[in-house]
């Protein structure tokens, strides 16, 4: 894959070392992207992960916090924290953070429903709203959104994708696909669905 040439990728919900978000961050860092990790955990907890990406791939890596349940924190993340580091904005946005709850419909807690809608739908909308302008100015950008459907992880974007396999191999394939979507070869891929689930979607 072509090197990123100093482009910047922001991946929300990317603080779990064995999660999709951090695996995507590693793959993009491998391809030369400077990385912004995001989560709600204390900086001291994430410092080893941040340092690992910088040391292994020789890119810049920052960790920024924001509670996606709060629109004010999302706006502060995009308008102040990110702009302070990268005045030209990010080049790649991966909306990976997600929330879910399994419960009988008649007993489903409505406050949890509101949280799920905020994290899975409203927060990605706000993230795109606040970052896409910079991408347009530069004439280049990628937006990848991840959500949950029937307990499977689904990646929708400028491209979408489903993976029911959460082992290391499955996570690596997800990350490699995300990295591919950030190359010129994927320039014409918009609104496509790419299932990567060993045929489970078709069953």
N, C-alpha and C. Protein backbone atom coordinates (compact mmCIF):
# COMPACT_ATOMS: atom_id res chain seq x y z
N UNK A 1 0.83 -1.19 0.00
CA UNK A 1 0.00 0.00 0.00
C UNK A 1 0.87 1.25 0.00
N UNK A 2 0.35 2.31 -0.59
CA UNK A 2 1.09 3.55 -0.65
C UNK A 2 1.19 4.18 0.73
N UNK A 3 2.34 4.86 1.00
CA UNK A 3 2.52 5.54 2.26
C UNK A 3 1.57 6.72 2.36
N UNK A 4 1.21 7.07 3.60
CA UNK A 4 0.20 8.10 3.82
C UNK A 4 0.76 9.50 3.64
N UNK A 5 2.07 9.65 3.72
CA UNK A 5 2.66 10.96 3.52
C UNK A 5 2.27 11.97 4.58
N UNK A 6 2.20 11.54 5.83
CA UNK A 6 1.92 12.45 6.92
C UNK A 6 0.46 12.74 7.16
N UNK A 7 -0.43 12.03 6.51
CA UNK A 7 -1.86 12.22 6.76
C UNK A 7 -2.21 11.79 8.18
N UNK A 8 -3.34 12.29 8.67
CA UNK A 8 -3.74 12.07 10.06
C UNK A 8 -5.03 11.27 10.11
N UNK A 9 -5.06 10.24 10.95
CA UNK A 9 -6.25 9.40 11.12
C UNK A 9 -6.72 9.47 12.57
N UNK A 10 -8.01 9.74 12.74
CA UNK A 10 -8.64 9.73 14.06
C UNK A 10 -9.54 8.51 14.15
N UNK A 11 -9.32 7.69 15.18
CA UNK A 11 -10.10 6.48 15.38
C UNK A 11 -10.77 6.56 16.75
N UNK A 12 -12.09 6.66 16.77
CA UNK A 12 -12.78 6.72 18.06
C UNK A 12 -12.88 5.32 18.66
N UNK A 13 -12.94 5.29 19.98
CA UNK A 13 -13.04 3.99 20.65
C UNK A 13 -11.88 3.08 20.33
N UNK A 14 -10.66 3.60 20.48
CA UNK A 14 -9.48 2.85 20.02
C UNK A 14 -8.48 2.59 21.14
N UNK A 15 -8.97 2.36 22.35
CA UNK A 15 -8.06 2.21 23.48
C UNK A 15 -7.95 0.79 24.01
N UNK A 16 -8.56 -0.17 23.33
CA UNK A 16 -8.44 -1.56 23.74
C UNK A 16 -7.41 -2.24 22.86
N UNK A 17 -6.37 -2.80 23.46
CA UNK A 17 -5.27 -3.36 22.68
C UNK A 17 -5.70 -4.53 21.81
N UNK A 18 -6.82 -5.19 22.15
CA UNK A 18 -7.30 -6.31 21.35
C UNK A 18 -8.63 -5.98 20.67
N UNK A 19 -8.89 -4.69 20.46
CA UNK A 19 -10.13 -4.28 19.84
C UNK A 19 -9.96 -3.87 18.39
N UNK A 20 -11.08 -3.66 17.71
CA UNK A 20 -11.05 -3.27 16.31
C UNK A 20 -10.40 -1.92 16.13
N UNK A 21 -10.74 -0.96 16.99
CA UNK A 21 -10.23 0.40 16.83
C UNK A 21 -8.72 0.48 16.87
N UNK A 22 -8.13 -0.15 17.88
CA UNK A 22 -6.66 -0.09 18.01
C UNK A 22 -5.98 -0.89 16.91
N UNK A 23 -6.60 -1.97 16.49
CA UNK A 23 -6.02 -2.76 15.39
C UNK A 23 -6.02 -1.95 14.10
N UNK A 24 -7.09 -1.20 13.85
CA UNK A 24 -7.12 -0.31 12.69
C UNK A 24 -6.04 0.77 12.82
N UNK A 25 -5.91 1.32 14.03
CA UNK A 25 -4.89 2.34 14.26
C UNK A 25 -3.50 1.80 13.94
N UNK A 26 -3.21 0.59 14.35
CA UNK A 26 -1.91 -0.02 14.07
C UNK A 26 -1.69 -0.18 12.58
N UNK A 27 -2.72 -0.63 11.87
CA UNK A 27 -2.58 -0.86 10.44
C UNK A 27 -2.37 0.46 9.69
N UNK A 28 -3.09 1.50 10.09
CA UNK A 28 -2.91 2.81 9.45
C UNK A 28 -1.54 3.39 9.80
N UNK A 29 -1.10 3.21 11.03
CA UNK A 29 0.23 3.68 11.41
C UNK A 29 1.31 2.97 10.59
N UNK A 30 1.11 1.69 10.36
CA UNK A 30 2.05 0.91 9.53
C UNK A 30 2.16 1.50 8.14
N UNK A 31 1.06 2.11 7.67
CA UNK A 31 1.06 2.70 6.34
C UNK A 31 1.39 4.19 6.36
N UNK A 32 1.92 4.67 7.47
CA UNK A 32 2.45 6.02 7.53
C UNK A 32 1.53 7.09 8.05
N UNK A 33 0.34 6.72 8.53
CA UNK A 33 -0.59 7.71 9.07
C UNK A 33 -0.19 8.11 10.49
N UNK A 34 -0.22 9.41 10.76
CA UNK A 34 -0.18 9.87 12.13
C UNK A 34 -1.53 9.53 12.76
N UNK A 35 -1.51 9.15 14.03
CA UNK A 35 -2.69 8.57 14.66
C UNK A 35 -3.18 9.41 15.83
N UNK A 36 -4.50 9.57 15.89
CA UNK A 36 -5.14 10.11 17.09
C UNK A 36 -6.02 9.02 17.67
N UNK A 37 -5.61 8.49 18.81
CA UNK A 37 -6.42 7.53 19.54
C UNK A 37 -7.46 8.29 20.35
N UNK A 38 -8.61 7.68 20.56
CA UNK A 38 -9.67 8.34 21.33
C UNK A 38 -10.32 7.36 22.28
N UNK A 39 -10.72 7.88 23.43
CA UNK A 39 -11.45 7.08 24.40
C UNK A 39 -11.80 7.92 25.61
N UNK A 40 -12.18 7.24 26.69
CA UNK A 40 -12.53 7.95 27.93
C UNK A 40 -11.62 7.56 29.09
N UNK A 41 -10.69 6.66 28.85
CA UNK A 41 -9.82 6.19 29.92
C UNK A 41 -8.74 7.22 30.24
N UNK A 42 -8.14 7.09 31.42
CA UNK A 42 -7.09 8.01 31.85
C UNK A 42 -5.89 7.91 30.92
N UNK A 43 -5.23 9.04 30.73
CA UNK A 43 -4.08 9.09 29.82
C UNK A 43 -2.99 8.10 30.23
N UNK A 44 -2.78 7.95 31.53
CA UNK A 44 -1.72 7.06 32.00
C UNK A 44 -1.97 5.61 31.58
N UNK A 45 -3.24 5.22 31.48
CA UNK A 45 -3.57 3.86 31.05
C UNK A 45 -3.26 3.63 29.58
N UNK A 46 -3.40 4.66 28.78
CA UNK A 46 -3.25 4.53 27.33
C UNK A 46 -1.83 4.84 26.87
N UNK A 47 -1.03 5.43 27.73
CA UNK A 47 0.32 5.83 27.33
C UNK A 47 1.14 4.69 26.73
N UNK A 48 1.10 3.47 27.29
CA UNK A 48 1.87 2.38 26.67
C UNK A 48 1.43 2.08 25.24
N UNK A 49 0.12 2.14 24.97
CA UNK A 49 -0.37 1.89 23.62
C UNK A 49 0.07 3.00 22.67
N UNK A 50 -0.01 4.23 23.14
CA UNK A 50 0.41 5.37 22.32
C UNK A 50 1.89 5.28 22.00
N UNK A 51 2.69 4.98 23.01
CA UNK A 51 4.14 4.88 22.82
C UNK A 51 4.48 3.74 21.87
N UNK A 52 3.75 2.64 21.97
CA UNK A 52 4.02 1.49 21.10
C UNK A 52 3.86 1.86 19.64
N UNK A 53 2.78 2.59 19.30
CA UNK A 53 2.56 2.98 17.91
C UNK A 53 3.67 3.91 17.43
N UNK A 54 4.05 4.86 18.24
CA UNK A 54 5.12 5.79 17.84
C UNK A 54 6.44 5.06 17.64
N UNK A 55 6.76 4.18 18.59
CA UNK A 55 8.05 3.49 18.54
C UNK A 55 8.13 2.49 17.39
N UNK A 56 7.04 1.74 17.20
CA UNK A 56 7.07 0.67 16.20
C UNK A 56 6.97 1.19 14.77
N UNK A 57 6.18 2.26 14.57
CA UNK A 57 5.91 2.69 13.20
C UNK A 57 6.48 4.07 12.85
N UNK A 58 7.12 4.71 13.84
CA UNK A 58 7.78 6.00 13.60
C UNK A 58 6.82 7.05 13.05
N UNK A 59 5.65 7.13 13.67
CA UNK A 59 4.67 8.15 13.33
C UNK A 59 4.31 8.91 14.61
N UNK A 60 3.64 10.02 14.44
CA UNK A 60 3.12 10.73 15.60
C UNK A 60 1.85 10.04 16.08
N UNK A 61 1.69 9.98 17.39
CA UNK A 61 0.48 9.39 17.94
C UNK A 61 0.06 10.17 19.18
N UNK A 62 -1.19 10.62 19.18
CA UNK A 62 -1.74 11.35 20.31
C UNK A 62 -2.96 10.59 20.85
N UNK A 63 -3.24 10.82 22.11
CA UNK A 63 -4.45 10.27 22.71
C UNK A 63 -5.29 11.42 23.22
N UNK A 64 -6.55 11.50 22.76
CA UNK A 64 -7.46 12.56 23.16
C UNK A 64 -8.72 11.94 23.76
N UNK A 65 -9.22 12.55 24.82
CA UNK A 65 -10.42 12.05 25.48
C UNK A 65 -11.64 12.90 25.09
N UNK A 66 -12.79 12.25 25.09
CA UNK A 66 -14.07 12.93 24.89
C UNK A 66 -15.17 11.93 25.17
N UNK A 67 -16.18 12.37 25.88
CA UNK A 67 -17.35 11.55 26.16
C UNK A 67 -18.33 11.74 25.01
N UNK A 68 -18.54 10.70 24.22
CA UNK A 68 -19.41 10.82 23.06
C UNK A 68 -20.88 10.94 23.42
N UNK A 69 -21.20 10.82 24.68
CA UNK A 69 -22.57 11.07 25.11
C UNK A 69 -22.85 12.57 25.23
N UNK A 70 -21.78 13.38 25.18
CA UNK A 70 -21.91 14.81 25.36
C UNK A 70 -21.50 15.55 24.08
N UNK A 71 -22.45 16.21 23.44
CA UNK A 71 -22.14 16.95 22.22
C UNK A 71 -21.07 18.02 22.47
N UNK A 72 -21.11 18.64 23.63
CA UNK A 72 -20.12 19.68 23.94
C UNK A 72 -18.71 19.11 23.94
N UNK A 73 -18.56 17.88 24.42
CA UNK A 73 -17.22 17.27 24.43
C UNK A 73 -16.78 16.88 23.03
N UNK A 74 -17.72 16.46 22.19
CA UNK A 74 -17.38 16.14 20.80
C UNK A 74 -16.91 17.40 20.08
N UNK A 75 -17.61 18.50 20.30
CA UNK A 75 -17.23 19.76 19.65
C UNK A 75 -15.89 20.25 20.18
N UNK A 76 -15.65 20.08 21.47
CA UNK A 76 -14.36 20.47 22.04
C UNK A 76 -13.23 19.61 21.47
N UNK A 77 -13.51 18.32 21.28
CA UNK A 77 -12.52 17.42 20.70
C UNK A 77 -12.12 17.89 19.30
N UNK A 78 -13.12 18.18 18.47
CA UNK A 78 -12.85 18.50 17.07
C UNK A 78 -12.39 19.94 16.86
N UNK A 79 -13.01 20.87 17.58
CA UNK A 79 -12.73 22.29 17.35
C UNK A 79 -11.51 22.81 18.09
N UNK A 80 -11.20 22.19 19.23
CA UNK A 80 -10.09 22.71 20.02
C UNK A 80 -8.92 21.73 20.12
N UNK A 81 -9.20 20.52 20.61
CA UNK A 81 -8.11 19.58 20.85
C UNK A 81 -7.41 19.17 19.56
N UNK A 82 -8.19 18.78 18.55
CA UNK A 82 -7.58 18.33 17.30
C UNK A 82 -6.97 19.50 16.54
N UNK A 83 -7.67 20.62 16.48
CA UNK A 83 -7.16 21.78 15.75
C UNK A 83 -5.86 22.30 16.36
N UNK A 84 -5.69 22.13 17.68
CA UNK A 84 -4.45 22.55 18.32
C UNK A 84 -3.27 21.71 17.86
N UNK A 85 -3.54 20.44 17.55
CA UNK A 85 -2.48 19.54 17.08
C UNK A 85 -2.30 19.61 15.57
N UNK A 86 -3.44 19.64 14.86
CA UNK A 86 -3.43 19.61 13.40
C UNK A 86 -4.40 20.67 12.87
N UNK A 87 -3.91 21.89 12.66
CA UNK A 87 -4.79 22.99 12.22
C UNK A 87 -5.54 22.70 10.92
N UNK A 88 -4.98 21.83 10.08
CA UNK A 88 -5.65 21.48 8.82
C UNK A 88 -6.65 20.34 8.97
N UNK A 89 -6.83 19.85 10.19
CA UNK A 89 -7.80 18.81 10.44
C UNK A 89 -7.30 17.41 10.13
N UNK A 90 -8.17 16.43 10.33
CA UNK A 90 -7.81 15.04 10.08
C UNK A 90 -8.12 14.68 8.63
N UNK A 91 -7.45 13.64 8.15
CA UNK A 91 -7.67 13.16 6.79
C UNK A 91 -8.56 11.92 6.76
N UNK A 92 -8.50 11.16 7.84
CA UNK A 92 -9.30 9.93 7.95
C UNK A 92 -10.03 9.95 9.28
N UNK A 93 -11.32 9.70 9.23
CA UNK A 93 -12.13 9.56 10.45
C UNK A 93 -12.70 8.15 10.49
N UNK A 94 -12.39 7.43 11.55
CA UNK A 94 -12.97 6.10 11.76
C UNK A 94 -13.86 6.17 12.99
N UNK A 95 -15.17 6.17 12.78
CA UNK A 95 -16.13 6.16 13.88
C UNK A 95 -16.29 4.72 14.36
N UNK A 96 -15.47 4.33 15.31
CA UNK A 96 -15.45 2.96 15.78
C UNK A 96 -16.19 2.76 17.10
N UNK A 97 -16.25 3.79 17.93
CA UNK A 97 -16.89 3.66 19.24
C UNK A 97 -18.35 3.24 19.08
N UNK A 98 -18.79 2.35 19.94
CA UNK A 98 -20.17 1.88 19.83
C UNK A 98 -20.71 1.44 21.18
N UNK A 99 -22.03 1.36 21.27
CA UNK A 99 -22.70 0.91 22.49
C UNK A 99 -23.82 -0.04 22.12
N UNK A 100 -24.11 -0.99 22.98
CA UNK A 100 -25.20 -1.93 22.72
C UNK A 100 -25.70 -2.51 24.03
N UNK A 101 -26.88 -3.08 23.98
CA UNK A 101 -27.46 -3.74 25.15
C UNK A 101 -28.49 -4.74 24.66
N UNK A 102 -28.40 -5.96 25.13
CA UNK A 102 -29.40 -6.98 24.81
C UNK A 102 -30.40 -7.09 25.95
N UNK A 103 -31.67 -6.85 25.65
CA UNK A 103 -32.73 -6.93 26.65
C UNK A 103 -34.06 -7.13 25.95
N UNK A 104 -35.02 -7.77 26.61
CA UNK A 104 -36.35 -7.92 26.01
C UNK A 104 -36.94 -6.55 25.70
N UNK A 105 -37.60 -6.45 24.56
CA UNK A 105 -38.12 -5.16 24.12
C UNK A 105 -39.03 -4.52 25.16
N UNK A 106 -39.90 -5.32 25.76
CA UNK A 106 -40.85 -4.73 26.69
C UNK A 106 -40.20 -4.24 27.98
N UNK A 107 -38.97 -4.71 28.25
CA UNK A 107 -38.25 -4.28 29.46
C UNK A 107 -37.02 -3.45 29.15
N UNK A 108 -36.87 -3.06 27.89
CA UNK A 108 -35.65 -2.35 27.51
C UNK A 108 -35.61 -1.00 28.20
N UNK A 109 -34.53 -0.71 28.94
CA UNK A 109 -34.43 0.58 29.64
C UNK A 109 -34.29 1.74 28.65
N UNK A 110 -35.21 2.68 28.71
CA UNK A 110 -35.23 3.74 27.71
C UNK A 110 -34.03 4.67 27.84
N UNK A 111 -33.46 4.79 29.03
CA UNK A 111 -32.29 5.64 29.17
C UNK A 111 -31.09 5.02 28.43
N UNK A 112 -31.00 3.69 28.46
CA UNK A 112 -29.93 3.02 27.72
C UNK A 112 -30.15 3.15 26.21
N UNK A 113 -31.43 3.10 25.81
CA UNK A 113 -31.74 3.30 24.39
C UNK A 113 -31.24 4.67 23.94
N UNK A 114 -31.49 5.69 24.73
CA UNK A 114 -31.04 7.04 24.38
C UNK A 114 -29.52 7.10 24.27
N UNK A 115 -28.82 6.41 25.18
CA UNK A 115 -27.36 6.38 25.13
C UNK A 115 -26.86 5.68 23.87
N UNK A 116 -27.50 4.57 23.53
CA UNK A 116 -27.10 3.82 22.33
C UNK A 116 -27.28 4.67 21.08
N UNK A 117 -28.40 5.37 20.98
CA UNK A 117 -28.64 6.24 19.83
C UNK A 117 -27.61 7.35 19.78
N UNK A 118 -27.28 7.91 20.94
CA UNK A 118 -26.30 9.00 20.99
C UNK A 118 -24.92 8.53 20.51
N UNK A 119 -24.47 7.39 21.04
CA UNK A 119 -23.11 6.92 20.71
C UNK A 119 -23.03 6.37 19.29
N UNK A 120 -24.05 5.60 18.89
CA UNK A 120 -23.99 4.90 17.60
C UNK A 120 -24.45 5.73 16.41
N UNK A 121 -25.25 6.74 16.66
CA UNK A 121 -25.83 7.51 15.54
C UNK A 121 -25.52 9.00 15.62
N UNK A 122 -25.86 9.62 16.74
CA UNK A 122 -25.67 11.07 16.84
C UNK A 122 -24.20 11.46 16.90
N UNK A 123 -23.41 10.74 17.69
CA UNK A 123 -21.99 11.07 17.79
C UNK A 123 -21.26 10.94 16.45
N UNK A 124 -21.46 9.84 15.69
CA UNK A 124 -20.83 9.78 14.37
C UNK A 124 -21.27 10.91 13.45
N UNK A 125 -22.57 11.28 13.51
CA UNK A 125 -23.05 12.42 12.73
C UNK A 125 -22.27 13.68 13.08
N UNK A 126 -22.11 13.93 14.39
CA UNK A 126 -21.39 15.12 14.82
C UNK A 126 -19.92 15.06 14.42
N UNK A 127 -19.31 13.89 14.55
CA UNK A 127 -17.90 13.74 14.18
C UNK A 127 -17.70 14.05 12.70
N UNK A 128 -18.59 13.52 11.86
CA UNK A 128 -18.50 13.79 10.43
C UNK A 128 -18.75 15.27 10.15
N UNK A 129 -19.78 15.81 10.77
CA UNK A 129 -20.13 17.23 10.58
C UNK A 129 -18.96 18.15 10.89
N UNK A 130 -18.19 17.79 11.91
CA UNK A 130 -17.12 18.66 12.39
C UNK A 130 -15.78 18.40 11.73
N UNK A 131 -15.65 17.34 10.96
CA UNK A 131 -14.36 17.03 10.33
C UNK A 131 -14.38 17.06 8.81
N UNK A 132 -15.55 16.89 8.21
CA UNK A 132 -15.60 16.75 6.75
C UNK A 132 -15.23 18.04 6.03
N UNK A 133 -15.46 19.18 6.67
CA UNK A 133 -15.12 20.45 6.02
C UNK A 133 -13.64 20.56 5.71
N UNK A 134 -12.80 20.12 6.64
CA UNK A 134 -11.35 20.17 6.42
C UNK A 134 -10.95 19.22 5.31
N UNK A 135 -11.60 18.06 5.23
CA UNK A 135 -11.30 17.12 4.16
C UNK A 135 -11.64 17.73 2.81
N UNK A 136 -12.78 18.41 2.72
CA UNK A 136 -13.17 19.04 1.46
C UNK A 136 -12.18 20.11 1.04
N UNK A 137 -11.69 20.89 2.00
CA UNK A 137 -10.72 21.93 1.69
C UNK A 137 -9.44 21.34 1.11
N UNK A 138 -9.05 20.18 1.64
CA UNK A 138 -7.82 19.53 1.16
C UNK A 138 -8.06 18.70 -0.10
N UNK A 139 -9.33 18.47 -0.42
CA UNK A 139 -9.63 17.69 -1.61
C UNK A 139 -9.40 16.20 -1.44
N UNK A 140 -9.35 15.75 -0.20
CA UNK A 140 -9.13 14.32 0.06
C UNK A 140 -9.59 13.99 1.46
N UNK A 141 -10.18 12.82 1.62
CA UNK A 141 -10.56 12.37 2.95
C UNK A 141 -11.24 11.02 2.91
N UNK A 142 -11.32 10.38 4.04
CA UNK A 142 -12.00 9.10 4.17
C UNK A 142 -12.80 9.11 5.47
N UNK A 143 -14.01 8.57 5.41
CA UNK A 143 -14.85 8.42 6.60
C UNK A 143 -15.33 6.98 6.66
N UNK A 144 -15.04 6.32 7.77
CA UNK A 144 -15.41 4.92 7.97
C UNK A 144 -16.19 4.84 9.27
N UNK A 145 -17.42 4.32 9.21
CA UNK A 145 -18.26 4.21 10.40
C UNK A 145 -18.47 2.74 10.76
N UNK A 146 -18.38 2.45 12.04
CA UNK A 146 -18.60 1.09 12.52
C UNK A 146 -19.81 1.08 13.45
N UNK A 147 -20.71 0.11 13.23
CA UNK A 147 -21.88 -0.02 14.08
C UNK A 147 -22.13 -1.49 14.36
N UNK A 148 -23.18 -1.78 15.13
CA UNK A 148 -23.48 -3.16 15.50
C UNK A 148 -24.84 -3.57 14.95
N UNK A 149 -24.91 -4.77 14.40
CA UNK A 149 -26.17 -5.33 13.94
C UNK A 149 -26.22 -6.79 14.35
N UNK A 150 -27.23 -7.14 15.10
CA UNK A 150 -27.43 -8.54 15.53
C UNK A 150 -26.17 -9.15 16.12
N UNK A 151 -25.54 -8.40 16.98
CA UNK A 151 -24.34 -8.81 17.71
C UNK A 151 -23.14 -9.04 16.81
N UNK A 152 -23.23 -8.61 15.57
CA UNK A 152 -22.07 -8.67 14.68
C UNK A 152 -21.52 -7.27 14.52
N UNK A 153 -20.21 -7.19 14.30
CA UNK A 153 -19.61 -5.90 14.06
C UNK A 153 -19.75 -5.58 12.58
N UNK A 154 -20.21 -4.38 12.30
CA UNK A 154 -20.43 -3.99 10.91
C UNK A 154 -19.71 -2.70 10.62
N UNK A 155 -19.01 -2.67 9.52
CA UNK A 155 -18.29 -1.46 9.14
C UNK A 155 -18.99 -0.85 7.96
N UNK A 156 -19.50 0.39 8.11
CA UNK A 156 -20.15 1.09 7.04
C UNK A 156 -19.36 2.33 6.75
N UNK A 157 -19.25 2.77 5.53
CA UNK A 157 -18.45 3.93 5.29
C UNK A 157 -18.88 4.66 4.08
N UNK A 158 -17.96 5.44 3.71
CA UNK A 158 -17.80 5.47 2.34
C UNK A 158 -17.75 4.00 2.05
N UNK A 159 -17.67 3.14 2.97
CA UNK A 159 -17.73 1.72 2.70
C UNK A 159 -18.22 0.99 3.92
N UNK A 160 -18.85 -0.17 3.75
CA UNK A 160 -19.35 -0.88 4.89
C UNK A 160 -18.91 -2.30 4.91
N UNK A 161 -19.01 -2.88 6.16
CA UNK A 161 -18.45 -4.19 6.22
C UNK A 161 -18.79 -4.91 7.49
N UNK A 162 -18.99 -6.22 7.35
CA UNK A 162 -19.44 -7.02 8.47
C UNK A 162 -18.43 -8.10 8.79
N UNK A 163 -18.15 -8.25 10.07
CA UNK A 163 -17.26 -9.34 10.46
C UNK A 163 -17.77 -9.97 11.74
N UNK A 164 -18.03 -11.25 11.70
CA UNK A 164 -18.52 -11.94 12.88
C UNK A 164 -17.37 -12.66 13.59
N UNK A 165 -16.18 -12.55 13.05
CA UNK A 165 -15.03 -13.25 13.61
C UNK A 165 -14.17 -12.24 14.35
N UNK A 166 -14.04 -12.40 15.66
CA UNK A 166 -13.36 -11.38 16.45
C UNK A 166 -11.98 -11.82 16.93
N UNK A 167 -11.46 -12.89 16.40
CA UNK A 167 -10.11 -13.29 16.76
C UNK A 167 -9.10 -12.35 16.13
N UNK A 168 -7.82 -12.58 16.44
CA UNK A 168 -6.76 -11.72 15.92
C UNK A 168 -6.78 -11.68 14.40
N UNK A 169 -6.98 -12.83 13.78
CA UNK A 169 -7.00 -12.88 12.32
C UNK A 169 -8.14 -12.03 11.76
N UNK A 170 -9.32 -12.15 12.39
CA UNK A 170 -10.46 -11.37 11.93
C UNK A 170 -10.24 -9.88 12.09
N UNK A 171 -9.68 -9.47 13.23
CA UNK A 171 -9.41 -8.06 13.47
C UNK A 171 -8.40 -7.53 12.47
N UNK A 172 -7.40 -8.32 12.16
CA UNK A 172 -6.38 -7.89 11.20
C UNK A 172 -6.98 -7.69 9.82
N UNK A 173 -7.90 -8.56 9.44
CA UNK A 173 -8.54 -8.41 8.13
C UNK A 173 -9.39 -7.15 8.08
N UNK A 174 -10.09 -6.85 9.18
CA UNK A 174 -10.86 -5.62 9.26
C UNK A 174 -9.93 -4.42 9.08
N UNK A 175 -8.83 -4.43 9.81
CA UNK A 175 -7.89 -3.31 9.75
C UNK A 175 -7.29 -3.16 8.37
N UNK A 176 -6.95 -4.28 7.73
CA UNK A 176 -6.37 -4.22 6.40
C UNK A 176 -7.36 -3.67 5.38
N UNK A 177 -8.64 -4.03 5.55
CA UNK A 177 -9.65 -3.47 4.66
C UNK A 177 -9.78 -1.97 4.86
N UNK A 178 -9.80 -1.54 6.13
CA UNK A 178 -9.88 -0.11 6.42
C UNK A 178 -8.69 0.63 5.80
N UNK A 179 -7.51 0.04 5.91
CA UNK A 179 -6.33 0.66 5.32
C UNK A 179 -6.44 0.73 3.80
N UNK A 180 -6.98 -0.34 3.19
CA UNK A 180 -7.18 -0.33 1.74
C UNK A 180 -8.12 0.79 1.32
N UNK A 181 -9.16 1.01 2.11
CA UNK A 181 -10.12 2.06 1.78
C UNK A 181 -9.50 3.45 1.81
N UNK A 182 -8.36 3.55 2.43
CA UNK A 182 -7.65 4.84 2.51
C UNK A 182 -6.60 5.00 1.42
N UNK A 183 -6.60 4.11 0.43
CA UNK A 183 -5.64 4.20 -0.67
C UNK A 183 -6.33 4.73 -1.92
N UNK A 184 -5.57 5.20 -2.90
CA UNK A 184 -6.17 5.67 -4.16
C UNK A 184 -7.00 4.61 -4.87
N UNK A 185 -6.68 3.33 -4.64
CA UNK A 185 -7.43 2.25 -5.29
C UNK A 185 -8.89 2.25 -4.89
N UNK A 186 -9.22 2.88 -3.75
CA UNK A 186 -10.60 2.90 -3.27
C UNK A 186 -11.29 4.24 -3.53
N UNK A 187 -10.70 5.06 -4.36
CA UNK A 187 -11.25 6.40 -4.60
C UNK A 187 -12.70 6.38 -5.08
N UNK A 188 -13.08 5.38 -5.85
CA UNK A 188 -14.43 5.34 -6.42
C UNK A 188 -15.39 4.50 -5.59
N UNK A 189 -14.97 4.06 -4.42
CA UNK A 189 -15.82 3.24 -3.58
C UNK A 189 -16.56 4.13 -2.58
N UNK A 190 -17.82 4.35 -2.84
CA UNK A 190 -18.64 5.21 -1.99
C UNK A 190 -19.98 4.54 -1.74
N UNK A 191 -20.31 4.32 -0.48
CA UNK A 191 -21.59 3.70 -0.15
C UNK A 191 -21.67 2.23 -0.46
N UNK A 192 -20.54 1.58 -0.66
CA UNK A 192 -20.53 0.14 -0.96
C UNK A 192 -20.59 -0.66 0.34
N UNK A 193 -21.06 -1.89 0.24
CA UNK A 193 -21.06 -2.82 1.37
C UNK A 193 -20.13 -3.97 1.04
N UNK A 194 -19.19 -4.24 1.92
CA UNK A 194 -18.20 -5.29 1.68
C UNK A 194 -18.25 -6.27 2.84
N UNK A 195 -19.04 -7.35 2.74
CA UNK A 195 -19.08 -8.31 3.84
C UNK A 195 -17.79 -9.12 3.91
N UNK A 196 -17.23 -9.20 5.09
CA UNK A 196 -16.04 -10.04 5.33
C UNK A 196 -16.38 -10.91 6.54
N UNK A 197 -17.17 -11.94 6.30
CA UNK A 197 -17.71 -12.72 7.40
C UNK A 197 -17.81 -14.21 7.07
N UNK A 198 -16.97 -14.64 6.15
CA UNK A 198 -16.98 -16.05 5.75
C UNK A 198 -18.36 -16.50 5.28
N UNK A 199 -19.10 -15.59 4.67
CA UNK A 199 -20.39 -15.92 4.09
C UNK A 199 -21.56 -15.91 5.06
N UNK A 200 -21.32 -15.49 6.31
CA UNK A 200 -22.39 -15.53 7.32
C UNK A 200 -23.55 -14.61 6.95
N UNK A 201 -23.25 -13.47 6.32
CA UNK A 201 -24.30 -12.52 5.97
C UNK A 201 -25.30 -13.14 5.00
N UNK A 202 -24.80 -14.04 4.16
CA UNK A 202 -25.65 -14.62 3.11
C UNK A 202 -26.46 -15.81 3.61
N UNK A 203 -26.20 -16.28 4.82
CA UNK A 203 -26.92 -17.46 5.31
C UNK A 203 -28.38 -17.16 5.63
